[in-house]
Amino acid sequence: MTTPMPSIKAARHHRSVRRRDRLEYRALVAVSFLPCLAAAALKRNGAQAPVGETVFSEALSSARAAAGYALLV
Protein backbone atom coordinates (compact mmCIF):
# COMPACT_ATOMS: atom_id res chain seq x y z
CA MET A 1 0.00 0.00 0.00
CA THR A 2 1.11 3.49 -0.70
CA THR A 3 0.08 6.61 1.12
CA PRO A 4 -1.15 9.51 -0.95
CA MET A 5 1.14 12.53 -1.04
CA PRO A 6 -0.39 15.81 0.04
CA SER A 7 -0.90 18.29 -2.72
CA ILE A 8 1.47 21.23 -3.01
CA LYS A 9 -1.55 23.42 -3.71
CA ALA A 10 -2.94 22.56 -0.27
CA ALA A 11 0.30 23.59 1.45
CA ARG A 12 0.32 26.91 -0.41
CA HIS A 13 -3.30 27.47 0.47
CA HIS A 14 -2.66 26.88 4.17
CA ARG A 15 0.32 29.22 4.08
CA SER A 16 -1.75 31.99 2.54
CA VAL A 17 -4.53 31.43 5.09
CA ARG A 18 -2.03 31.68 7.96
CA ARG A 19 -0.52 34.83 6.45
CA ARG A 20 -3.97 36.39 6.09
CA ASP A 21 -4.81 35.46 9.70
CA ARG A 22 -1.60 37.11 10.95
CA LEU A 23 -2.33 40.26 8.98
CA GLU A 24 -5.90 40.33 10.29
CA TYR A 25 -4.66 39.96 13.87
CA ARG A 26 -2.09 42.74 13.42
CA ALA A 27 -4.74 45.03 11.93
CA LEU A 28 -7.03 44.36 14.89
CA VAL A 29 -4.19 45.14 17.31
CA ALA A 30 -3.40 48.36 15.44
CA VAL A 31 -7.04 49.48 15.44
CA SER A 32 -7.55 48.72 19.12
CA PHE A 33 -4.21 50.22 20.21
CA LEU A 34 -5.29 53.87 20.08
CA PRO A 35 -8.37 53.50 22.32
CA CYS A 36 -6.31 51.35 24.70
CA LEU A 37 -3.57 53.99 24.73
CA ALA A 38 -6.08 56.68 25.59
CA ALA A 39 -7.56 54.53 28.37
CA ALA A 40 -4.12 53.74 29.80
CA ALA A 41 -3.15 57.42 29.75
CA LEU A 42 -6.38 58.41 31.49
CA LYS A 43 -5.92 55.67 34.05
CA ARG A 44 -2.42 56.87 34.84
CA ASN A 45 -3.44 60.51 35.02
CA GLY A 46 -4.82 60.19 38.53
CA ALA A 47 -3.13 57.05 39.78
CA GLN A 48 0.46 56.21 40.52
CA ALA A 49 2.13 54.33 37.66
CA PRO A 50 2.99 50.68 38.28
CA VAL A 51 6.70 49.97 38.45
CA GLY A 52 8.27 48.54 35.30
CA GLU A 53 5.36 49.03 32.91
CA THR A 54 5.09 51.95 30.52
CA VAL A 55 1.87 53.42 29.18
CA PHE A 56 2.70 52.02 25.76
CA SER A 57 3.36 48.49 27.01
CA GLU A 58 0.13 48.55 29.01
CA ALA A 59 -1.81 49.77 25.96
CA LEU A 60 -0.21 47.16 23.71
CA SER A 61 -1.04 44.40 26.18
CA SER A 62 -4.66 45.57 26.34
CA ALA A 63 -4.86 45.84 22.54
CA ARG A 64 -3.55 42.29 22.10
CA ALA A 65 -6.11 41.00 24.58
CA ALA A 66 -8.93 42.88 22.83
CA ALA A 67 -7.84 41.58 19.42
CA GLY A 68 -7.87 38.03 20.77
CA TYR A 69 -11.44 38.43 21.96
CA ALA A 70 -12.44 40.06 18.66
CA LEU A 71 -11.24 36.98 16.77
CA LEU A 72 -13.52 34.78 18.87
CA VAL A 73 -16.63 36.54 17.62
C-alpha atoms as a PDB file:
ATOM      1  CA  MET A   1       0.000   0.000   0.000  1.00  0.00           C
ATOM      2  CA  THR A   2       1.114   3.488  -0.699  1.00  0.00           C
ATOM      3  CA  THR A   3       0.077   6.610   1.122  1.00  0.00           C
ATOM      4  CA  PRO A   4      -1.146   9.509  -0.955  1.00  0.00           C
ATOM      5  CA  MET A   5       1.137  12.535  -1.044  1.00  0.00           C
ATOM      6  CA  PRO A   6      -0.394  15.815   0.040  1.00  0.00           C
ATOM      7  CA  SER A   7      -0.899  18.287  -2.717  1.00  0.00           C
ATOM      8  CA  ILE A   8       1.468  21.230  -3.011  1.00  0.00           C
ATOM      9  CA  LYS A   9      -1.550  23.420  -3.705  1.00  0.00           C
ATOM     10  CA  ALA A  10      -2.940  22.560  -0.274  1.00  0.00           C
ATOM     11  CA  ALA A  11       0.299  23.591   1.448  1.00  0.00           C
ATOM     12  CA  ARG A  12       0.316  26.907  -0.405  1.00  0.00           C
ATOM     13  CA  HIS A  13      -3.305  27.469   0.474  1.00  0.00           C
ATOM     14  CA  HIS A  14      -2.661  26.876   4.174  1.00  0.00           C
ATOM     15  CA  ARG A  15       0.324  29.218   4.083  1.00  0.00           C
ATOM     16  CA  SER A  16      -1.751  31.986   2.540  1.00  0.00           C
ATOM     17  CA  VAL A  17      -4.528  31.433   5.091  1.00  0.00           C
ATOM     18  CA  ARG A  18      -2.032  31.681   7.960  1.00  0.00           C
ATOM     19  CA  ARG A  19      -0.525  34.831   6.452  1.00  0.00           C
ATOM     20  CA  ARG A  20      -3.972  36.385   6.092  1.00  0.00           C
ATOM     21  CA  ASP A  21      -4.812  35.464   9.698  1.00  0.00           C
ATOM     22  CA  ARG A  22      -1.603  37.109  10.948  1.00  0.00           C
ATOM     23  CA  LEU A  23      -2.334  40.264   8.977  1.00  0.00           C
ATOM     24  CA  GLU A  24      -5.899  40.335  10.285  1.00  0.00           C
ATOM     25  CA  TYR A  25      -4.658  39.964  13.870  1.00  0.00           C
ATOM     26  CA  ARG A  26      -2.092  42.744  13.420  1.00  0.00           C
ATOM     27  CA  ALA A  27      -4.744  45.026  11.929  1.00  0.00           C
ATOM     28  CA  LEU A  28      -7.028  44.364  14.891  1.00  0.00           C
ATOM     29  CA  VAL A  29      -4.191  45.143  17.310  1.00  0.00           C
ATOM     30  CA  ALA A  30      -3.403  48.364  15.436  1.00  0.00           C
ATOM     31  CA  VAL A  31      -7.036  49.482  15.442  1.00  0.00           C
ATOM     32  CA  SER A  32      -7.551  48.721  19.119  1.00  0.00           C
ATOM     33  CA  PHE A  33      -4.206  50.225  20.210  1.00  0.00           C
ATOM     34  CA  LEU A  34      -5.293  53.873  20.082  1.00  0.00           C
ATOM     35  CA  PRO A  35      -8.365  53.504  22.325  1.00  0.00           C
ATOM     36  CA  CYS A  36      -6.314  51.354  24.702  1.00  0.00           C
ATOM     37  CA  LEU A  37      -3.565  53.986  24.730  1.00  0.00           C
ATOM     38  CA  ALA A  38      -6.085  56.682  25.595  1.00  0.00           C
ATOM     39  CA  ALA A  39      -7.563  54.527  28.367  1.00  0.00           C
ATOM     40  CA  ALA A  40      -4.122  53.740  29.799  1.00  0.00           C
ATOM     41  CA  ALA A  41      -3.151  57.419  29.747  1.00  0.00           C
ATOM     42  CA  LEU A  42      -6.378  58.413  31.490  1.00  0.00           C
ATOM     43  CA  LYS A  43      -5.919  55.665  34.049  1.00  0.00           C
ATOM     44  CA  ARG A  44      -2.418  56.869  34.843  1.00  0.00           C
ATOM     45  CA  ASN A  45      -3.436  60.508  35.017  1.00  0.00           C
ATOM     46  CA  GLY A  46      -4.819  60.194  38.528  1.00  0.00           C
ATOM     47  CA  ALA A  47      -3.134  57.051  39.782  1.00  0.00           C
ATOM     48  CA  GLN A  48       0.463  56.213  40.517  1.00  0.00           C
ATOM     49  CA  ALA A  49       2.135  54.333  37.656  1.00  0.00           C
ATOM     50  CA  PRO A  50       2.990  50.678  38.282  1.00  0.00           C
ATOM     51  CA  VAL A  51       6.705  49.974  38.448  1.00  0.00           C
ATOM     52  CA  GLY A  52       8.273  48.539  35.297  1.00  0.00           C
ATOM     53  CA  GLU A  53       5.360  49.030  32.906  1.00  0.00           C
ATOM     54  CA  THR A  54       5.092  51.954  30.523  1.00  0.00           C
ATOM     55  CA  VAL A  55       1.867  53.425  29.183  1.00  0.00           C
ATOM     56  CA  PHE A  56       2.697  52.017  25.757  1.00  0.00           C
ATOM     57  CA  SER A  57       3.358  48.490  27.007  1.00  0.00           C
ATOM     58  CA  GLU A  58       0.128  48.550  29.008  1.00  0.00           C
ATOM     59  CA  ALA A  59      -1.815  49.774  25.963  1.00  0.00           C
ATOM     60  CA  LEU A  60      -0.210  47.155  23.711  1.00  0.00           C
ATOM     61  CA  SER A  61      -1.043  44.402  26.185  1.00  0.00           C
ATOM     62  CA  SER A  62      -4.657  45.570  26.336  1.00  0.00           C
ATOM     63  CA  ALA A  63      -4.860  45.839  22.540  1.00  0.00           C
ATOM     64  CA  ARG A  64      -3.550  42.292  22.102  1.00  0.00           C
ATOM     65  CA  ALA A  65      -6.111  40.999  24.582  1.00  0.00           C
ATOM     66  CA  ALA A  66      -8.930  42.878  22.832  1.00  0.00           C
ATOM     67  CA  ALA A  67      -7.837  41.577  19.424  1.00  0.00           C
ATOM     68  CA  GLY A  68      -7.868  38.032  20.768  1.00  0.00           C
ATOM     69  CA  TYR A  69     -11.441  38.427  21.959  1.00  0.00           C
ATOM     70  CA  ALA A  70     -12.441  40.063  18.656  1.00  0.00           C
ATOM     71  CA  LEU A  71     -11.236  36.980  16.768  1.00  0.00           C
ATOM     72  CA  LEU A  72     -13.525  34.776  18.866  1.00  0.00           C
ATOM     73  CA  VAL A  73     -16.635  36.537  17.616  1.00  0.00           C
END
